[in-house]
Amino acid sequence: MKNLKLTFVIAASVLAFSSCKDEKQEKAEKSLHAYSNYVDSINSVEHQKAVENWAAIESDYARLKSEAEISLANATDKTKLQDSLNTASIRFEEFKNDVLAEKEKASENDSKTSKYKTLFGPDYVSDDMKFNWVNKDNILSVYDNFVTTVQKNKDSYSREDWDEIKIVYEALDSRKNTVEKEGLSSHDNNKIAGLKLKFAPMYTVNRMGAKSEENAEAKK
């Protein structure tokens, strides 16, 4: 009788242990499934949308990965689940690199837009320097804002700044050639000519000065 009872106790213990192992394995599988599904879902998100919601994405990712790793540590059959974890983690890192590159690009674009709004006025529109937003009615104010801003900040510009200023100035000049054919008044055209005469020597002198300062700094 005692042997029979002992057999029942051992059998019950084995079943309980087996059940506990199965529960831990099942929990690990569910956690890994949730983690992998999350990585799959965010990989379908447009990069721009991901940039806008990156803090929330990273927070959810960190939580799900932590839960998956903790569950995996207690699992009875780790090999397959570990492979799944590694694959999902690699996919996320690839997605993360793409999103952060997009984020950096967006930040640079925002910085450029802000800079050009200062140079050309609040009506500036980013259109790859085509200046299609400039017309016969606003072109004088755009030139005036540009020359006034450059004069105000000329002492703070580096040689690279001056090179960029020259490029965008020439793009504006190119647009002016078109605007002249669209009814630009003689009065505004003459005013613009005066602003151009003011800008030319200012650019030449200050760019040379900035380059000389850079050369002197490089020799130190």
N, C-alpha and C. Protein backbone atom coordinates (compact mmCIF):
# COMPACT_ATOMS: atom_id res chain seq x y z
N MET A 1 0.84 -1.21 0.00
CA MET A 1 0.00 0.00 0.00
C MET A 1 0.87 1.26 0.00
N LYS A 2 1.92 1.18 0.85
CA LYS A 2 2.82 2.33 0.93
C LYS A 2 3.52 2.54 -0.41
N ASN A 3 3.89 1.42 -1.06
CA ASN A 3 4.55 1.52 -2.37
C ASN A 3 3.62 2.14 -3.41
N LEU A 4 2.34 1.78 -3.31
CA LEU A 4 1.35 2.32 -4.24
C LEU A 4 1.19 3.82 -4.07
N LYS A 5 1.13 4.23 -2.79
CA LYS A 5 1.02 5.67 -2.50
C LYS A 5 2.25 6.43 -3.01
N LEU A 6 3.41 5.83 -2.78
CA LEU A 6 4.66 6.46 -3.23
C LEU A 6 4.67 6.62 -4.75
N THR A 7 4.14 5.58 -5.42
CA THR A 7 4.07 5.63 -6.89
C THR A 7 3.18 6.77 -7.36
N PHE A 8 2.02 6.91 -6.68
CA PHE A 8 1.11 8.00 -7.01
C PHE A 8 1.76 9.37 -6.79
N VAL A 9 2.50 9.49 -5.69
CA VAL A 9 3.17 10.77 -5.37
C VAL A 9 4.20 11.11 -6.42
N ILE A 10 4.98 10.10 -6.80
CA ILE A 10 6.02 10.32 -7.82
C ILE A 10 5.39 10.69 -9.16
N ALA A 11 4.32 9.95 -9.51
CA ALA A 11 3.63 10.22 -10.78
C ALA A 11 3.05 11.62 -10.79
N ALA A 12 2.45 12.01 -9.67
CA ALA A 12 1.87 13.35 -9.57
C ALA A 12 2.95 14.42 -9.68
N SER A 13 4.08 14.15 -9.07
CA SER A 13 5.19 15.12 -9.11
C SER A 13 5.72 15.28 -10.53
N VAL A 14 5.82 14.15 -11.22
CA VAL A 14 6.30 14.18 -12.61
C VAL A 14 5.34 14.96 -13.49
N LEU A 15 4.03 14.71 -13.30
CA LEU A 15 3.02 15.42 -14.07
C LEU A 15 3.05 16.92 -13.79
N ALA A 16 3.20 17.26 -12.51
CA ALA A 16 3.25 18.67 -12.12
C ALA A 16 4.47 19.35 -12.72
N PHE A 17 5.62 18.65 -12.65
CA PHE A 17 6.85 19.20 -13.20
C PHE A 17 6.75 19.36 -14.71
N SER A 18 6.17 18.33 -15.34
CA SER A 18 5.99 18.38 -16.79
C SER A 18 5.05 19.50 -17.18
N SER A 19 3.98 19.67 -16.40
CA SER A 19 3.02 20.74 -16.67
C SER A 19 3.67 22.11 -16.52
N CYS A 20 4.52 22.23 -15.49
CA CYS A 20 5.22 23.51 -15.25
C CYS A 20 6.15 23.82 -16.41
N LYS A 21 6.87 22.76 -16.88
CA LYS A 21 7.78 22.94 -18.02
C LYS A 21 7.01 23.36 -19.27
N ASP A 22 5.85 22.72 -19.48
CA ASP A 22 5.04 23.04 -20.65
C ASP A 22 4.54 24.48 -20.60
N GLU A 23 4.16 24.93 -19.41
CA GLU A 23 3.66 26.29 -19.25
C GLU A 23 4.76 27.31 -19.57
N LYS A 24 5.97 27.02 -19.08
CA LYS A 24 7.09 27.93 -19.33
C LYS A 24 7.44 27.96 -20.82
N GLN A 25 7.39 26.80 -21.45
CA GLN A 25 7.67 26.72 -22.88
C GLN A 25 6.61 27.47 -23.67
N GLU A 26 5.36 27.27 -23.28
CA GLU A 26 4.26 27.93 -23.97
C GLU A 26 4.33 29.45 -23.80
N LYS A 27 4.68 29.88 -22.59
CA LYS A 27 4.81 31.32 -22.34
C LYS A 27 5.93 31.92 -23.19
N ALA A 28 7.04 31.18 -23.29
CA ALA A 28 8.17 31.66 -24.09
C ALA A 28 7.77 31.75 -25.56
N GLU A 29 7.05 30.75 -26.04
CA GLU A 29 6.61 30.76 -27.44
C GLU A 29 5.68 31.93 -27.73
N LYS A 30 4.78 32.21 -26.80
CA LYS A 30 3.85 33.33 -26.97
C LYS A 30 4.61 34.66 -26.98
N SER A 31 5.58 34.79 -26.07
CA SER A 31 6.36 36.03 -26.00
C SER A 31 7.17 36.24 -27.27
N LEU A 32 7.79 35.16 -27.76
CA LEU A 32 8.57 35.26 -29.00
C LEU A 32 7.67 35.56 -30.20
N HIS A 33 6.48 34.98 -30.19
CA HIS A 33 5.52 35.22 -31.27
C HIS A 33 5.10 36.70 -31.28
N ALA A 34 4.83 37.24 -30.10
CA ALA A 34 4.43 38.65 -29.99
C ALA A 34 5.58 39.56 -30.44
N TYR A 35 6.80 39.21 -30.04
CA TYR A 35 7.98 40.00 -30.40
C TYR A 35 8.21 39.99 -31.91
N SER A 36 8.17 38.80 -32.50
CA SER A 36 8.39 38.66 -33.95
C SER A 36 7.30 39.36 -34.75
N ASN A 37 6.06 39.22 -34.29
CA ASN A 37 4.95 39.88 -34.98
C ASN A 37 5.08 41.40 -34.94
N TYR A 38 5.58 41.92 -33.81
CA TYR A 38 5.75 43.37 -33.68
C TYR A 38 6.80 43.86 -34.68
N VAL A 39 7.91 43.14 -34.76
CA VAL A 39 8.97 43.52 -35.70
C VAL A 39 8.45 43.46 -37.13
N ASP A 40 7.67 42.42 -37.45
CA ASP A 40 7.08 42.31 -38.79
C ASP A 40 6.16 43.50 -39.09
N SER A 41 5.37 43.89 -38.09
CA SER A 41 4.39 44.97 -38.31
C SER A 41 5.06 46.31 -38.52
N ILE A 42 6.11 46.62 -37.75
CA ILE A 42 6.75 47.93 -37.91
C ILE A 42 7.57 48.01 -39.18
N ASN A 43 8.00 46.85 -39.70
CA ASN A 43 8.75 46.86 -40.96
C ASN A 43 7.88 47.26 -42.14
N SER A 44 6.58 47.21 -41.96
CA SER A 44 5.67 47.63 -43.02
C SER A 44 5.28 49.10 -42.90
N VAL A 45 5.76 49.76 -41.85
CA VAL A 45 5.45 51.17 -41.63
C VAL A 45 6.35 52.04 -42.51
N GLU A 46 5.81 53.07 -43.12
CA GLU A 46 6.61 54.00 -43.92
C GLU A 46 7.65 54.66 -43.02
N HIS A 47 8.83 54.88 -43.57
CA HIS A 47 9.92 55.43 -42.77
C HIS A 47 9.58 56.80 -42.17
N GLN A 48 8.88 57.62 -42.95
CA GLN A 48 8.52 58.94 -42.45
C GLN A 48 7.61 58.84 -41.24
N LYS A 49 6.65 57.91 -41.31
CA LYS A 49 5.74 57.68 -40.18
C LYS A 49 6.51 57.15 -38.98
N ALA A 50 7.48 56.28 -39.25
CA ALA A 50 8.29 55.71 -38.18
C ALA A 50 9.12 56.79 -37.49
N VAL A 51 9.65 57.72 -38.28
CA VAL A 51 10.42 58.83 -37.71
C VAL A 51 9.56 59.63 -36.74
N GLU A 52 8.33 59.90 -37.15
CA GLU A 52 7.42 60.71 -36.33
C GLU A 52 7.05 60.00 -35.02
N ASN A 53 7.05 58.67 -35.04
CA ASN A 53 6.62 57.90 -33.86
C ASN A 53 7.74 57.04 -33.28
N TRP A 54 8.99 57.46 -33.51
CA TRP A 54 10.12 56.60 -33.17
C TRP A 54 10.24 56.33 -31.67
N ALA A 55 9.97 57.30 -30.84
CA ALA A 55 10.09 57.10 -29.38
C ALA A 55 9.15 55.98 -28.92
N ALA A 56 7.92 56.00 -29.41
CA ALA A 56 6.94 54.98 -29.03
C ALA A 56 7.33 53.61 -29.58
N ILE A 57 7.84 53.59 -30.81
CA ILE A 57 8.26 52.33 -31.43
C ILE A 57 9.40 51.69 -30.64
N GLU A 58 10.39 52.49 -30.28
CA GLU A 58 11.53 51.97 -29.52
C GLU A 58 11.11 51.48 -28.14
N SER A 59 10.20 52.21 -27.51
CA SER A 59 9.72 51.83 -26.18
C SER A 59 9.00 50.48 -26.23
N ASP A 60 8.10 50.31 -27.19
CA ASP A 60 7.36 49.05 -27.33
C ASP A 60 8.30 47.91 -27.69
N TYR A 61 9.26 48.20 -28.55
CA TYR A 61 10.22 47.18 -28.96
C TYR A 61 11.05 46.69 -27.77
N ALA A 62 11.56 47.63 -26.98
CA ALA A 62 12.38 47.28 -25.82
C ALA A 62 11.59 46.42 -24.83
N ARG A 63 10.33 46.77 -24.61
CA ARG A 63 9.48 46.02 -23.68
C ARG A 63 9.24 44.60 -24.17
N LEU A 64 8.86 44.46 -25.43
CA LEU A 64 8.57 43.13 -25.98
C LEU A 64 9.82 42.26 -26.06
N LYS A 65 10.94 42.86 -26.38
CA LYS A 65 12.18 42.09 -26.45
C LYS A 65 12.59 41.61 -25.07
N SER A 66 12.45 42.48 -24.07
CA SER A 66 12.79 42.11 -22.70
C SER A 66 11.91 40.95 -22.22
N GLU A 67 10.62 41.03 -22.50
CA GLU A 67 9.70 39.96 -22.11
C GLU A 67 10.06 38.65 -22.81
N ALA A 68 10.43 38.74 -24.07
CA ALA A 68 10.80 37.55 -24.83
C ALA A 68 12.07 36.92 -24.28
N GLU A 69 13.06 37.75 -23.93
CA GLU A 69 14.33 37.24 -23.41
C GLU A 69 14.15 36.58 -22.05
N ILE A 70 13.33 37.18 -21.20
CA ILE A 70 13.07 36.61 -19.87
C ILE A 70 12.35 35.28 -20.00
N SER A 71 11.35 35.21 -20.84
CA SER A 71 10.59 33.97 -21.05
C SER A 71 11.48 32.89 -21.66
N LEU A 72 12.35 33.30 -22.58
CA LEU A 72 13.24 32.35 -23.24
C LEU A 72 14.21 31.71 -22.25
N ALA A 73 14.65 32.49 -21.28
CA ALA A 73 15.59 31.98 -20.28
C ALA A 73 15.00 30.83 -19.48
N ASN A 74 13.67 30.81 -19.34
CA ASN A 74 13.00 29.77 -18.56
C ASN A 74 12.42 28.65 -19.42
N ALA A 75 12.57 28.75 -20.74
CA ALA A 75 12.00 27.75 -21.65
C ALA A 75 12.80 26.45 -21.60
N THR A 76 12.14 25.35 -21.91
CA THR A 76 12.81 24.05 -21.90
C THR A 76 13.49 23.75 -23.23
N ASP A 77 12.94 24.25 -24.31
CA ASP A 77 13.51 24.05 -25.64
C ASP A 77 13.85 25.41 -26.23
N LYS A 78 15.10 25.82 -26.04
CA LYS A 78 15.49 27.20 -26.36
C LYS A 78 15.97 27.39 -27.80
N THR A 79 16.49 26.36 -28.41
CA THR A 79 17.20 26.51 -29.69
C THR A 79 16.38 27.21 -30.77
N LYS A 80 15.22 26.67 -31.06
CA LYS A 80 14.37 27.23 -32.12
C LYS A 80 13.91 28.64 -31.77
N LEU A 81 13.56 28.83 -30.49
CA LEU A 81 13.09 30.14 -30.05
C LEU A 81 14.21 31.18 -30.10
N GLN A 82 15.43 30.75 -29.78
CA GLN A 82 16.57 31.67 -29.82
C GLN A 82 16.83 32.13 -31.25
N ASP A 83 16.69 31.21 -32.20
CA ASP A 83 16.86 31.57 -33.61
C ASP A 83 15.82 32.61 -34.03
N SER A 84 14.60 32.41 -33.56
CA SER A 84 13.51 33.35 -33.88
C SER A 84 13.80 34.72 -33.29
N LEU A 85 14.30 34.74 -32.06
CA LEU A 85 14.66 36.00 -31.39
C LEU A 85 15.76 36.72 -32.16
N ASN A 86 16.79 35.98 -32.53
CA ASN A 86 17.93 36.57 -33.25
C ASN A 86 17.51 37.15 -34.60
N THR A 87 16.67 36.40 -35.32
CA THR A 87 16.21 36.85 -36.63
C THR A 87 15.40 38.14 -36.53
N ALA A 88 14.50 38.18 -35.55
CA ALA A 88 13.67 39.38 -35.36
C ALA A 88 14.53 40.57 -34.96
N SER A 89 15.53 40.32 -34.11
CA SER A 89 16.41 41.41 -33.64
C SER A 89 17.21 42.00 -34.79
N ILE A 90 17.70 41.13 -35.66
CA ILE A 90 18.47 41.59 -36.83
C ILE A 90 17.58 42.43 -37.75
N ARG A 91 16.36 41.96 -37.97
CA ARG A 91 15.42 42.69 -38.83
C ARG A 91 15.12 44.07 -38.25
N PHE A 92 14.98 44.14 -36.93
CA PHE A 92 14.70 45.43 -36.31
C PHE A 92 15.88 46.38 -36.46
N GLU A 93 17.09 45.88 -36.26
CA GLU A 93 18.28 46.73 -36.37
C GLU A 93 18.42 47.29 -37.78
N GLU A 94 18.10 46.47 -38.78
CA GLU A 94 18.15 46.95 -40.17
C GLU A 94 17.11 48.04 -40.39
N PHE A 95 15.91 47.81 -39.86
CA PHE A 95 14.85 48.81 -39.97
C PHE A 95 15.24 50.09 -39.23
N LYS A 96 15.82 49.92 -38.06
CA LYS A 96 16.23 51.07 -37.24
C LYS A 96 17.26 51.92 -37.97
N ASN A 97 18.24 51.27 -38.60
CA ASN A 97 19.27 52.01 -39.34
C ASN A 97 18.65 52.84 -40.47
N ASP A 98 17.69 52.25 -41.17
CA ASP A 98 17.01 52.96 -42.27
C ASP A 98 16.23 54.16 -41.74
N VAL A 99 15.53 53.95 -40.62
CA VAL A 99 14.71 55.02 -40.05
C VAL A 99 15.58 56.16 -39.52
N LEU A 100 16.67 55.82 -38.85
CA LEU A 100 17.55 56.86 -38.31
C LEU A 100 18.22 57.65 -39.43
N ALA A 101 18.52 56.98 -40.54
CA ALA A 101 19.07 57.68 -41.70
C ALA A 101 18.03 58.65 -42.25
N GLU A 102 16.78 58.21 -42.30
CA GLU A 102 15.68 59.07 -42.75
C GLU A 102 15.49 60.24 -41.80
N LYS A 103 15.63 59.95 -40.50
CA LYS A 103 15.47 60.99 -39.47
C LYS A 103 16.55 62.06 -39.60
N GLU A 104 17.78 61.61 -39.85
CA GLU A 104 18.89 62.55 -40.03
C GLU A 104 18.68 63.41 -41.27
N LYS A 105 18.21 62.78 -42.33
CA LYS A 105 17.93 63.50 -43.57
C LYS A 105 16.83 64.54 -43.35
N ALA A 106 15.79 64.16 -42.62
CA ALA A 106 14.68 65.08 -42.34
C ALA A 106 15.17 66.26 -41.51
N SER A 107 16.07 65.97 -40.56
CA SER A 107 16.61 67.03 -39.71
C SER A 107 17.43 68.01 -40.54
N GLU A 108 18.22 67.48 -41.48
CA GLU A 108 19.02 68.34 -42.36
C GLU A 108 18.11 69.19 -43.24
N ASN A 109 17.04 68.58 -43.74
CA ASN A 109 16.10 69.32 -44.59
C ASN A 109 15.41 70.44 -43.82
N ASP A 110 15.04 70.14 -42.56
CA ASP A 110 14.41 71.15 -41.71
C ASP A 110 15.37 72.31 -41.46
N SER A 111 16.63 71.96 -41.25
CA SER A 111 17.65 72.98 -41.00
C SER A 111 17.85 73.86 -42.24
N LYS A 112 17.87 73.23 -43.42
CA LYS A 112 18.03 73.98 -44.67
C LYS A 112 16.83 74.89 -44.92
N THR A 113 15.64 74.34 -44.68
CA THR A 113 14.42 75.12 -44.90
C THR A 113 14.41 76.35 -44.01
N SER A 114 14.81 76.16 -42.75
CA SER A 114 14.87 77.27 -41.80
C SER A 114 15.88 78.33 -42.27
N LYS A 115 17.03 77.85 -42.74
CA LYS A 115 18.07 78.76 -43.22
C LYS A 115 17.58 79.56 -44.44
N TYR A 116 16.92 78.88 -45.36
CA TYR A 116 16.47 79.54 -46.58
C TYR A 116 15.29 80.47 -46.34
N LYS A 117 14.48 80.16 -45.34
CA LYS A 117 13.40 81.09 -44.98
C LYS A 117 13.98 82.39 -44.45
N THR A 118 15.10 82.27 -43.74
CA THR A 118 15.78 83.47 -43.24
C THR A 118 16.34 84.28 -44.41
N LEU A 119 16.91 83.59 -45.39
CA LEU A 119 17.51 84.27 -46.53
C LEU A 119 16.49 84.88 -47.49
N PHE A 120 15.43 84.13 -47.77
CA PHE A 120 14.50 84.55 -48.81
C PHE A 120 13.15 85.04 -48.31
N GLY A 121 12.95 84.97 -47.01
CA GLY A 121 11.69 85.46 -46.45
C GLY A 121 10.72 84.34 -46.10
N PRO A 122 9.67 84.66 -45.38
CA PRO A 122 8.72 83.66 -44.88
C PRO A 122 7.93 82.92 -45.95
N ASP A 123 7.91 83.47 -47.17
CA ASP A 123 7.16 82.82 -48.26
C ASP A 123 7.96 81.73 -48.97
N TYR A 124 9.21 81.53 -48.52
CA TYR A 124 10.07 80.54 -49.18
C TYR A 124 9.41 79.16 -49.21
N VAL A 125 9.50 78.51 -50.37
CA VAL A 125 8.97 77.16 -50.55
C VAL A 125 10.10 76.28 -51.08
N SER A 126 10.31 75.14 -50.43
CA SER A 126 11.37 74.23 -50.86
C SER A 126 10.96 73.52 -52.15
N ASP A 127 11.63 73.84 -53.25
CA ASP A 127 11.30 73.21 -54.55
C ASP A 127 12.57 72.97 -55.36
N ASP A 128 13.62 72.50 -54.66
CA ASP A 128 14.90 72.20 -55.32
C ASP A 128 15.48 73.42 -56.03
N MET A 129 15.32 74.57 -55.42
CA MET A 129 15.90 75.81 -55.93
C MET A 129 15.38 76.21 -57.31
N LYS A 130 14.16 75.84 -57.60
CA LYS A 130 13.56 76.29 -58.86
C LYS A 130 12.92 77.67 -58.70
N PHE A 131 12.57 78.01 -57.47
CA PHE A 131 11.97 79.31 -57.15
C PHE A 131 10.69 79.59 -57.94
N ASN A 132 9.91 78.55 -58.16
CA ASN A 132 8.65 78.75 -58.88
C ASN A 132 7.65 79.60 -58.10
N TRP A 133 7.88 79.70 -56.80
CA TRP A 133 6.99 80.52 -55.96
C TRP A 133 7.29 82.01 -56.10
N VAL A 134 8.42 82.35 -56.72
CA VAL A 134 8.80 83.75 -56.93
C VAL A 134 8.14 84.26 -58.21
N ASN A 135 7.50 85.42 -58.11
CA ASN A 135 6.80 85.99 -59.27
C ASN A 135 7.08 87.48 -59.36
N LYS A 136 6.47 88.14 -60.34
CA LYS A 136 6.71 89.57 -60.58
C LYS A 136 6.28 90.44 -59.41
N ASP A 137 5.38 89.93 -58.58
CA ASP A 137 4.86 90.73 -57.47
C ASP A 137 5.70 90.62 -56.20
N ASN A 138 6.46 89.53 -56.06
CA ASN A 138 7.22 89.38 -54.82
C ASN A 138 8.73 89.29 -55.01
N ILE A 139 9.19 89.29 -56.26
CA ILE A 139 10.62 89.06 -56.49
C ILE A 139 11.50 90.16 -55.89
N LEU A 140 11.05 91.40 -55.92
CA LEU A 140 11.84 92.49 -55.33
C LEU A 140 12.02 92.28 -53.84
N SER A 141 10.96 91.91 -53.14
CA SER A 141 11.05 91.70 -51.70
C SER A 141 11.94 90.51 -51.37
N VAL A 142 11.96 89.51 -52.26
CA VAL A 142 12.82 88.34 -52.05
C VAL A 142 14.29 88.74 -52.17
N TYR A 143 14.63 89.49 -53.21
CA TYR A 143 16.00 89.98 -53.37
C TYR A 143 16.40 90.87 -52.20
N ASP A 144 15.52 91.75 -51.81
CA ASP A 144 15.81 92.68 -50.72
C ASP A 144 16.07 91.92 -49.43
N ASN A 145 15.23 90.93 -49.14
CA ASN A 145 15.39 90.13 -47.93
C ASN A 145 16.71 89.37 -47.97
N PHE A 146 17.04 88.85 -49.14
CA PHE A 146 18.27 88.09 -49.31
C PHE A 146 19.50 88.95 -49.05
N VAL A 147 19.60 90.08 -49.73
CA VAL A 147 20.77 90.94 -49.60
C VAL A 147 20.88 91.52 -48.19
N THR A 148 19.76 91.92 -47.61
CA THR A 148 19.75 92.48 -46.26
C THR A 148 20.21 91.44 -45.24
N THR A 149 19.75 90.21 -45.39
CA THR A 149 20.12 89.13 -44.46
C THR A 149 21.59 88.79 -44.59
N VAL A 150 22.09 88.71 -45.82
CA VAL A 150 23.50 88.39 -46.04
C VAL A 150 24.39 89.49 -45.45
N GLN A 151 24.01 90.73 -45.66
CA GLN A 151 24.80 91.85 -45.11
C GLN A 151 24.82 91.80 -43.58
N LYS A 152 23.70 91.47 -43.00
CA LYS A 152 23.58 91.42 -41.54
C LYS A 152 24.45 90.32 -40.93
N ASN A 153 24.58 89.20 -41.65
CA ASN A 153 25.27 88.04 -41.09
C ASN A 153 26.61 87.74 -41.74
N LYS A 154 27.10 88.65 -42.56
CA LYS A 154 28.29 88.38 -43.36
C LYS A 154 29.52 88.01 -42.54
N ASP A 155 29.63 88.54 -41.34
CA ASP A 155 30.81 88.26 -40.52
C ASP A 155 30.78 86.87 -39.89
N SER A 156 29.63 86.24 -39.92
CA SER A 156 29.52 84.91 -39.28
C SER A 156 29.58 83.76 -40.28
N TYR A 157 29.61 84.07 -41.57
CA TYR A 157 29.59 83.03 -42.59
C TYR A 157 30.98 82.43 -42.82
N SER A 158 31.01 81.11 -42.99
CA SER A 158 32.24 80.42 -43.36
C SER A 158 32.38 80.42 -44.88
N ARG A 159 33.52 79.94 -45.37
CA ARG A 159 33.70 79.85 -46.82
C ARG A 159 32.62 78.96 -47.44
N GLU A 160 32.31 77.85 -46.77
CA GLU A 160 31.28 76.95 -47.28
C GLU A 160 29.91 77.63 -47.32
N ASP A 161 29.65 78.46 -46.31
CA ASP A 161 28.39 79.22 -46.30
C ASP A 161 28.31 80.14 -47.51
N TRP A 162 29.42 80.82 -47.78
CA TRP A 162 29.44 81.75 -48.92
C TRP A 162 29.25 81.01 -50.25
N ASP A 163 29.85 79.82 -50.35
CA ASP A 163 29.69 79.03 -51.57
C ASP A 163 28.22 78.64 -51.76
N GLU A 164 27.57 78.26 -50.67
CA GLU A 164 26.15 77.89 -50.75
C GLU A 164 25.29 79.11 -51.08
N ILE A 165 25.64 80.25 -50.48
CA ILE A 165 24.91 81.49 -50.75
C ILE A 165 25.00 81.85 -52.23
N LYS A 166 26.19 81.66 -52.81
CA LYS A 166 26.37 81.97 -54.24
C LYS A 166 25.50 81.05 -55.10
N ILE A 167 25.42 79.79 -54.74
CA ILE A 167 24.63 78.82 -55.51
C ILE A 167 23.15 79.20 -55.51
N VAL A 168 22.62 79.51 -54.32
CA VAL A 168 21.18 79.83 -54.24
C VAL A 168 20.90 81.20 -54.86
N TYR A 169 21.87 82.10 -54.79
CA TYR A 169 21.73 83.42 -55.41
C TYR A 169 21.62 83.27 -56.93
N GLU A 170 22.47 82.42 -57.49
CA GLU A 170 22.43 82.20 -58.94
C GLU A 170 21.13 81.52 -59.36
N ALA A 171 20.60 80.66 -58.48
CA ALA A 171 19.31 80.01 -58.78
C ALA A 171 18.19 81.05 -58.80
N LEU A 172 18.25 82.01 -57.87
CA LEU A 172 17.26 83.09 -57.84
C LEU A 172 17.40 83.95 -59.09
N ASP A 173 18.64 84.22 -59.49
CA ASP A 173 18.88 84.99 -60.72
C ASP A 173 18.29 84.29 -61.94
N SER A 174 18.41 82.98 -61.96
CA SER A 174 17.86 82.21 -63.08
C SER A 174 16.34 82.36 -63.14
N ARG A 175 15.72 82.36 -61.96
CA ARG A 175 14.27 82.55 -61.91
C ARG A 175 13.90 83.96 -62.36
N LYS A 176 14.75 84.93 -62.05
CA LYS A 176 14.48 86.32 -62.43
C LYS A 176 14.38 86.46 -63.95
N ASN A 177 15.21 85.72 -64.67
CA ASN A 177 15.17 85.78 -66.14
C ASN A 177 13.79 85.39 -66.67
N THR A 178 13.16 84.45 -65.99
CA THR A 178 11.81 84.02 -66.39
C THR A 178 10.78 85.06 -65.99
N VAL A 179 10.94 85.59 -64.77
CA VAL A 179 9.97 86.56 -64.25
C VAL A 179 9.96 87.84 -65.08
N GLU A 180 11.12 88.21 -65.63
CA GLU A 180 11.20 89.40 -66.46
C GLU A 180 10.25 89.30 -67.66
N LYS A 181 10.06 88.09 -68.15
CA LYS A 181 9.18 87.87 -69.30
C LYS A 181 7.71 87.78 -68.89
N GLU A 182 7.47 87.80 -67.59
CA GLU A 182 6.11 87.65 -67.09
C GLU A 182 5.53 88.96 -66.56
N GLY A 183 6.18 90.07 -66.94
CA GLY A 183 5.61 91.37 -66.58
C GLY A 183 6.29 92.07 -65.42
N LEU A 184 7.56 91.78 -65.15
CA LEU A 184 8.28 92.48 -64.09
C LEU A 184 8.39 93.95 -64.46
N SER A 185 8.02 94.82 -63.53
CA SER A 185 8.03 96.26 -63.83
C SER A 185 9.45 96.80 -63.90
N SER A 186 9.63 97.88 -64.67
CA SER A 186 10.95 98.51 -64.80
C SER A 186 11.43 99.02 -63.46
N HIS A 187 10.52 99.54 -62.65
CA HIS A 187 10.86 100.06 -61.33
C HIS A 187 11.47 98.96 -60.47
N ASP A 188 10.80 97.81 -60.41
CA ASP A 188 11.30 96.70 -59.59
C ASP A 188 12.59 96.13 -60.17
N ASN A 189 12.67 96.10 -61.48
CA ASN A 189 13.88 95.58 -62.13
C ASN A 189 15.09 96.43 -61.80
N ASN A 190 14.91 97.75 -61.79
CA ASN A 190 16.01 98.66 -61.46
C ASN A 190 16.41 98.52 -59.99
N LYS A 191 15.42 98.34 -59.12
CA LYS A 191 15.70 98.15 -57.70
C LYS A 191 16.51 96.86 -57.48
N ILE A 192 16.14 95.83 -58.20
CA ILE A 192 16.84 94.55 -58.10
C ILE A 192 18.27 94.69 -58.61
N ALA A 193 18.45 95.45 -59.69
CA ALA A 193 19.79 95.69 -60.23
C ALA A 193 20.68 96.35 -59.18
N GLY A 194 20.12 97.29 -58.43
CA GLY A 194 20.87 97.95 -57.37
C GLY A 194 21.26 96.98 -56.26
N LEU A 195 20.36 96.09 -55.91
CA LEU A 195 20.64 95.09 -54.87
C LEU A 195 21.72 94.11 -55.33
N LYS A 196 21.70 93.78 -56.62
CA LYS A 196 22.71 92.88 -57.17
C LYS A 196 24.09 93.54 -57.15
N LEU A 197 24.13 94.83 -57.45
CA LEU A 197 25.39 95.57 -57.39
C LEU A 197 25.93 95.64 -55.96
N LYS A 198 25.04 95.65 -55.01
CA LYS A 198 25.42 95.68 -53.60
C LYS A 198 25.95 94.32 -53.14
N PHE A 199 25.33 93.27 -53.66
CA PHE A 199 25.70 91.92 -53.23
C PHE A 199 27.05 91.48 -53.79
N ALA A 200 27.31 91.77 -55.07
CA ALA A 200 28.50 91.24 -55.75
C ALA A 200 29.81 91.51 -55.01
N PRO A 201 30.15 92.78 -54.68
CA PRO A 201 31.41 93.02 -53.98
C PRO A 201 31.38 92.48 -52.55
N MET A 202 30.21 92.49 -51.93
CA MET A 202 30.09 91.97 -50.56
C MET A 202 30.45 90.48 -50.55
N TYR A 203 29.97 89.77 -51.54
CA TYR A 203 30.26 88.34 -51.64
C TYR A 203 31.76 88.11 -51.88
N THR A 204 32.32 88.82 -52.85
CA THR A 204 33.73 88.62 -53.22
C THR A 204 34.66 88.88 -52.05
N VAL A 205 34.50 90.01 -51.40
CA VAL A 205 35.38 90.41 -50.30
C VAL A 205 35.26 89.46 -49.11
N ASN A 206 34.03 89.17 -48.73
CA ASN A 206 33.82 88.37 -47.53
C ASN A 206 34.16 86.89 -47.73
N ARG A 207 33.95 86.38 -48.92
CA ARG A 207 34.34 84.99 -49.16
C ARG A 207 35.85 84.87 -49.11
N MET A 208 36.56 85.83 -49.71
CA MET A 208 38.02 85.82 -49.66
C MET A 208 38.50 85.89 -48.22
N GLY A 209 37.84 86.73 -47.42
CA GLY A 209 38.21 86.86 -46.02
C GLY A 209 37.99 85.58 -45.25
N ALA A 210 36.86 84.93 -45.51
CA ALA A 210 36.55 83.67 -44.82
C ALA A 210 37.55 82.58 -45.21
N LYS A 211 37.94 82.55 -46.48
CA LYS A 211 38.91 81.56 -46.94
C LYS A 211 40.27 81.80 -46.31
N SER A 212 40.67 83.07 -46.20
CA SER A 212 41.96 83.42 -45.59
C SER A 212 41.98 83.00 -44.12
N GLU A 213 40.86 83.21 -43.44
CA GLU A 213 40.77 82.81 -42.03
C GLU A 213 40.89 81.30 -41.88
N GLU A 214 40.28 80.56 -42.79
CA GLU A 214 40.35 79.10 -42.73
C GLU A 214 41.78 78.63 -42.99
N ASN A 215 42.46 79.24 -43.95
CA ASN A 215 43.84 78.86 -44.25
C ASN A 215 44.75 79.15 -43.08
N ALA A 216 44.54 80.30 -42.44
CA ALA A 216 45.36 80.67 -41.28
C ALA A 216 45.11 79.70 -40.13
N GLU A 217 43.87 79.30 -39.96
CA GLU A 217 43.51 78.38 -38.88
C GLU A 217 44.12 77.01 -39.14
N ALA A 218 44.18 76.61 -40.40
CA ALA A 218 44.72 75.30 -40.75
C ALA A 218 46.22 75.21 -40.51
N LYS A 219 46.91 76.36 -40.57
CA LYS A 219 48.37 76.39 -40.38
C LYS A 219 48.77 76.35 -38.92
N LYS A 220 47.81 76.57 -38.03
CA LYS A 220 48.13 76.59 -36.59
C LYS A 220 48.45 75.18 -36.09
